[in-house]
Amino acid sequence: MSYTVKSLSEGDRELIAFRIGDQEFCVNIMSVREIRGWTPATAMPHSPAYMLGVINLRGAVLPIIDLSARLGMKPADPTARHVIIVAQVRRKVVGLLVDAVSDILTVTDEIIQPTPEISSDLERQFARGVLAIDKRMICLIELEALFSETESEAA
């Protein structure tokens, strides 16, 4: 069996696409360290509502963020089918709870359309654009915008 490795040309970027409910989102693959199955988190007192708690990831404490709740959607009810995207946000590593990872996309900047003006301020704050691919609408999320400097330091 042989595999062809496609090199990225200038202007190409790779994105990890994932589902939350019936919506699709994506983030830059360079921010993603690993994808792992759901592990119940230990709740932390006085944490934001979107923070599910922490888990032990090979000896390191990893905060788990309910990405659905953070995006202003219905909070997740985690099951064994959920996954955690372990991502680097600024200088911190966090786990992002999502329903499922669906794809790895290679796109050019021209394919990324601006976030519609009718979107809420919250959506425009986190969304960096929308991709229309194969009859799918995928929202590109900027991870750094999800957490202020003080929130990522607190996590």
C-alpha atoms as a PDB file:
ATOM      1  CA  MET A   1       0.000   0.000   0.000  1.00  0.00           C
ATOM      2  CA  SER A   2       1.408   3.411  -0.884  1.00  0.00           C
ATOM      3  CA  TYR A   3       0.443   6.858   0.302  1.00  0.00           C
ATOM      4  CA  THR A   4       0.915  10.185  -1.398  1.00  0.00           C
ATOM      5  CA  VAL A   5       1.950  13.030   0.839  1.00  0.00           C
ATOM      6  CA  LYS A   6       0.680  16.319  -0.492  1.00  0.00           C
ATOM      7  CA  SER A   7       2.874  19.217   0.423  1.00  0.00           C
ATOM      8  CA  LEU A   8       1.243  22.490   1.315  1.00  0.00           C
ATOM      9  CA  SER A   9       1.800  25.276  -1.133  1.00  0.00           C
ATOM     10  CA  GLU A  10       2.122  28.867  -0.017  1.00  0.00           C
ATOM     11  CA  GLY A  11      -1.225  30.228   1.134  1.00  0.00           C
ATOM     12  CA  ASP A  12      -2.562  26.771   2.050  1.00  0.00           C
ATOM     13  CA  ARG A  13      -3.537  26.031   5.624  1.00  0.00           C
ATOM     14  CA  GLU A  14      -4.625  22.836   7.304  1.00  0.00           C
ATOM     15  CA  LEU A  15      -7.627  22.871   9.596  1.00  0.00           C
ATOM     16  CA  ILE A  16      -9.210  20.271  11.893  1.00  0.00           C
ATOM     17  CA  ALA A  17     -12.992  20.184  11.431  1.00  0.00           C
ATOM     18  CA  PHE A  18     -15.271  19.030  14.236  1.00  0.00           C
ATOM     19  CA  ARG A  19     -18.945  18.898  15.160  1.00  0.00           C
ATOM     20  CA  ILE A  20     -20.814  20.481  18.028  1.00  0.00           C
ATOM     21  CA  GLY A  21     -24.473  19.550  17.806  1.00  0.00           C
ATOM     22  CA  ASP A  22     -25.497  19.901  14.158  1.00  0.00           C
ATOM     23  CA  GLN A  23     -22.924  22.598  13.388  1.00  0.00           C
ATOM     24  CA  GLU A  24     -19.380  22.234  12.077  1.00  0.00           C
ATOM     25  CA  PHE A  25     -16.400  24.275  13.175  1.00  0.00           C
ATOM     26  CA  CYS A  26     -12.677  24.146  12.490  1.00  0.00           C
ATOM     27  CA  VAL A  27      -9.413  25.352  14.013  1.00  0.00           C
ATOM     28  CA  ASN A  28      -5.869  25.650  12.727  1.00  0.00           C
ATOM     29  CA  ILE A  29      -4.191  22.234  12.893  1.00  0.00           C
ATOM     30  CA  MET A  30      -0.992  23.877  14.172  1.00  0.00           C
ATOM     31  CA  SER A  31      -2.778  24.592  17.481  1.00  0.00           C
ATOM     32  CA  VAL A  32      -3.811  20.943  17.969  1.00  0.00           C
ATOM     33  CA  ARG A  33      -1.509  18.683  19.967  1.00  0.00           C
ATOM     34  CA  GLU A  34      -3.677  15.554  20.073  1.00  0.00           C
ATOM     35  CA  ILE A  35      -7.213  14.217  19.948  1.00  0.00           C
ATOM     36  CA  ARG A  36      -8.331  11.850  22.693  1.00  0.00           C
ATOM     37  CA  GLY A  37     -11.485  10.209  23.991  1.00  0.00           C
ATOM     38  CA  TRP A  38     -13.653  11.712  26.698  1.00  0.00           C
ATOM     39  CA  THR A  39     -12.415  11.357  30.247  1.00  0.00           C
ATOM     40  CA  PRO A  40     -14.587  12.592  33.137  1.00  0.00           C
ATOM     41  CA  ALA A  41     -13.193  15.813  34.568  1.00  0.00           C
ATOM     42  CA  THR A  42     -12.787  16.816  38.199  1.00  0.00           C
ATOM     43  CA  ALA A  43     -14.788  20.000  38.808  1.00  0.00           C
ATOM     44  CA  MET A  44     -12.928  23.050  40.092  1.00  0.00           C
ATOM     45  CA  PRO A  45     -14.576  25.513  42.501  1.00  0.00           C
ATOM     46  CA  HIS A  46     -15.312  29.046  41.244  1.00  0.00           C
ATOM     47  CA  SER A  47     -14.489  28.166  37.641  1.00  0.00           C
ATOM     48  CA  PRO A  48     -16.387  29.643  34.669  1.00  0.00           C
ATOM     49  CA  ALA A  49     -19.580  27.803  33.651  1.00  0.00           C
ATOM     50  CA  TYR A  50     -17.944  26.566  30.429  1.00  0.00           C
ATOM     51  CA  MET A  51     -15.047  24.913  32.286  1.00  0.00           C
ATOM     52  CA  LEU A  52     -15.940  21.298  33.028  1.00  0.00           C
ATOM     53  CA  GLY A  53     -12.947  20.748  35.282  1.00  0.00           C
ATOM     54  CA  VAL A  54      -9.509  19.206  34.945  1.00  0.00           C
ATOM     55  CA  ILE A  55      -8.049  15.826  33.980  1.00  0.00           C
ATOM     56  CA  ASN A  56      -4.646  14.238  34.420  1.00  0.00           C
ATOM     57  CA  LEU A  57      -2.889  14.108  31.063  1.00  0.00           C
ATOM     58  CA  ARG A  58       0.321  12.125  31.523  1.00  0.00           C
ATOM     59  CA  GLY A  59       1.102  13.830  34.814  1.00  0.00           C
ATOM     60  CA  ALA A  60      -0.019  17.330  33.774  1.00  0.00           C
ATOM     61  CA  VAL A  61      -3.246  19.014  34.878  1.00  0.00           C
ATOM     62  CA  LEU A  62      -5.325  19.792  31.776  1.00  0.00           C
ATOM     63  CA  PRO A  63      -8.346  22.141  32.015  1.00  0.00           C
ATOM     64  CA  ILE A  64     -11.330  20.873  29.995  1.00  0.00           C
ATOM     65  CA  ILE A  65     -13.486  23.497  28.278  1.00  0.00           C
ATOM     66  CA  ASP A  66     -17.010  22.745  27.037  1.00  0.00           C
ATOM     67  CA  LEU A  67     -16.606  24.423  23.651  1.00  0.00           C
ATOM     68  CA  SER A  68     -20.357  24.331  23.057  1.00  0.00           C
ATOM     69  CA  ALA A  69     -21.027  26.341  26.230  1.00  0.00           C
ATOM     70  CA  ARG A  70     -18.090  28.680  25.506  1.00  0.00           C
ATOM     71  CA  LEU A  71     -19.583  29.490  22.107  1.00  0.00           C
ATOM     72  CA  GLY A  72     -22.927  30.347  23.716  1.00  0.00           C
ATOM     73  CA  MET A  73     -24.652  27.147  22.642  1.00  0.00           C
ATOM     74  CA  LYS A  74     -26.376  24.487  24.747  1.00  0.00           C
ATOM     75  CA  PRO A  75     -23.873  22.980  27.238  1.00  0.00           C
ATOM     76  CA  ALA A  76     -22.707  19.479  26.349  1.00  0.00           C
ATOM     77  CA  ASP A  77     -23.715  16.371  28.242  1.00  0.00           C
ATOM     78  CA  PRO A  78     -20.460  14.425  27.727  1.00  0.00           C
ATOM     79  CA  THR A  79     -20.629  10.760  26.765  1.00  0.00           C
ATOM     80  CA  ALA A  80     -18.061   8.179  25.676  1.00  0.00           C
ATOM     81  CA  ARG A  81     -18.640   9.355  22.074  1.00  0.00           C
ATOM     82  CA  HIS A  82     -17.356  12.888  22.780  1.00  0.00           C
ATOM     83  CA  VAL A  83     -13.720  13.748  22.141  1.00  0.00           C
ATOM     84  CA  ILE A  84     -11.242  16.182  23.623  1.00  0.00           C
ATOM     85  CA  ILE A  85      -9.087  18.236  21.290  1.00  0.00           C
ATOM     86  CA  VAL A  86      -5.917  19.045  23.214  1.00  0.00           C
ATOM     87  CA  ALA A  87      -4.825  22.440  21.909  1.00  0.00           C
ATOM     88  CA  GLN A  88      -2.222  25.090  22.559  1.00  0.00           C
ATOM     89  CA  VAL A  89      -3.808  28.486  23.257  1.00  0.00           C
ATOM     90  CA  ARG A  90      -1.114  31.090  23.671  1.00  0.00           C
ATOM     91  CA  ARG A  91       1.278  29.550  26.212  1.00  0.00           C
ATOM     92  CA  LYS A  92      -1.300  27.213  27.803  1.00  0.00           C
ATOM     93  CA  VAL A  93      -2.572  23.775  26.833  1.00  0.00           C
ATOM     94  CA  VAL A  94      -6.336  23.199  27.168  1.00  0.00           C
ATOM     95  CA  GLY A  95      -8.754  20.412  26.303  1.00  0.00           C
ATOM     96  CA  LEU A  96     -11.734  21.358  24.152  1.00  0.00           C
ATOM     97  CA  LEU A  97     -14.758  19.077  24.462  1.00  0.00           C
ATOM     98  CA  VAL A  98     -16.495  18.543  21.096  1.00  0.00           C
ATOM     99  CA  ASP A  99     -18.991  15.974  19.780  1.00  0.00           C
ATOM    100  CA  ALA A 100     -16.670  14.493  17.141  1.00  0.00           C
ATOM    101  CA  VAL A 101     -13.753  15.319  14.881  1.00  0.00           C
ATOM    102  CA  SER A 102     -14.920  15.040  11.282  1.00  0.00           C
ATOM    103  CA  ASP A 103     -12.136  16.036   8.887  1.00  0.00           C
ATOM    104  CA  ILE A 104      -8.730  17.473   8.165  1.00  0.00           C
ATOM    105  CA  LEU A 105      -9.107  20.205   5.569  1.00  0.00           C
ATOM    106  CA  THR A 106      -6.468  21.813   3.367  1.00  0.00           C
ATOM    107  CA  VAL A 107      -7.750  25.200   2.220  1.00  0.00           C
ATOM    108  CA  THR A 108      -6.472  28.407   0.708  1.00  0.00           C
ATOM    109  CA  ASP A 109      -7.183  31.813   2.189  1.00  0.00           C
ATOM    110  CA  GLU A 110      -9.474  32.595  -0.791  1.00  0.00           C
ATOM    111  CA  ILE A 111     -11.934  29.891   0.313  1.00  0.00           C
ATOM    112  CA  ILE A 112     -12.405  31.522   3.739  1.00  0.00           C
ATOM    113  CA  GLN A 113     -15.279  33.987   3.539  1.00  0.00           C
ATOM    114  CA  PRO A 114     -15.788  36.756   6.108  1.00  0.00           C
ATOM    115  CA  THR A 115     -18.200  36.182   8.981  1.00  0.00           C
ATOM    116  CA  PRO A 116     -21.629  37.601   7.983  1.00  0.00           C
ATOM    117  CA  GLU A 117     -22.470  41.020   9.403  1.00  0.00           C
ATOM    118  CA  ILE A 118     -25.770  39.702  10.768  1.00  0.00           C
ATOM    119  CA  SER A 119     -23.923  37.402  13.163  1.00  0.00           C
ATOM    120  CA  SER A 120     -23.951  38.271  16.830  1.00  0.00           C
ATOM    121  CA  ASP A 121     -21.010  40.132  18.349  1.00  0.00           C
ATOM    122  CA  LEU A 122     -20.141  36.934  20.233  1.00  0.00           C
ATOM    123  CA  GLU A 123     -19.924  34.931  16.990  1.00  0.00           C
ATOM    124  CA  ARG A 124     -17.862  37.608  15.238  1.00  0.00           C
ATOM    125  CA  GLN A 125     -15.549  37.773  18.257  1.00  0.00           C
ATOM    126  CA  PHE A 126     -14.589  34.070  17.944  1.00  0.00           C
ATOM    127  CA  ALA A 127     -15.207  33.351  14.252  1.00  0.00           C
ATOM    128  CA  ARG A 128     -12.536  34.276  11.741  1.00  0.00           C
ATOM    129  CA  GLY A 129     -14.547  33.235   8.722  1.00  0.00           C
ATOM    130  CA  VAL A 130     -16.815  30.663   7.124  1.00  0.00           C
ATOM    131  CA  LEU A 131     -15.866  27.921   4.681  1.00  0.00           C
ATOM    132  CA  ALA A 132     -18.392  26.591   2.160  1.00  0.00           C
ATOM    133  CA  ILE A 133     -17.057  23.127   1.237  1.00  0.00           C
ATOM    134  CA  ASP A 134     -19.052  20.282  -0.336  1.00  0.00           C
ATOM    135  CA  LYS A 135     -22.447  21.716   0.691  1.00  0.00           C
ATOM    136  CA  ARG A 136     -21.137  22.172   4.251  1.00  0.00           C
ATOM    137  CA  MET A 137     -20.813  25.459   6.111  1.00  0.00           C
ATOM    138  CA  ILE A 138     -17.857  25.326   8.492  1.00  0.00           C
ATOM    139  CA  CYS A 139     -17.058  28.149  10.894  1.00  0.00           C
ATOM    140  CA  LEU A 140     -13.340  28.887  11.394  1.00  0.00           C
ATOM    141  CA  ILE A 141     -12.672  29.602  15.079  1.00  0.00           C
ATOM    142  CA  GLU A 142      -9.727  31.591  16.373  1.00  0.00           C
ATOM    143  CA  LEU A 143      -8.729  29.816  19.597  1.00  0.00           C
ATOM    144  CA  GLU A 144      -6.892  32.823  21.030  1.00  0.00           C
ATOM    145  CA  ALA A 145     -10.130  34.844  20.791  1.00  0.00           C
ATOM    146  CA  LEU A 146     -11.999  32.265  22.912  1.00  0.00           C
ATOM    147  CA  PHE A 147     -10.033  33.147  26.009  1.00  0.00           C
ATOM    148  CA  SER A 148      -8.805  36.510  27.206  1.00  0.00           C
ATOM    149  CA  GLU A 149      -5.213  36.705  28.447  1.00  0.00           C
ATOM    150  CA  THR A 150      -6.409  36.515  32.076  1.00  0.00           C
ATOM    151  CA  GLU A 151      -8.706  33.527  31.386  1.00  0.00           C
ATOM    152  CA  SER A 152      -5.960  31.510  29.718  1.00  0.00           C
ATOM    153  CA  GLU A 153      -3.589  32.338  32.586  1.00  0.00           C
ATOM    154  CA  ALA A 154      -6.255  31.249  35.106  1.00  0.00           C
ATOM    155  CA  ALA A 155      -6.840  27.968  33.259  1.00  0.00           C
END
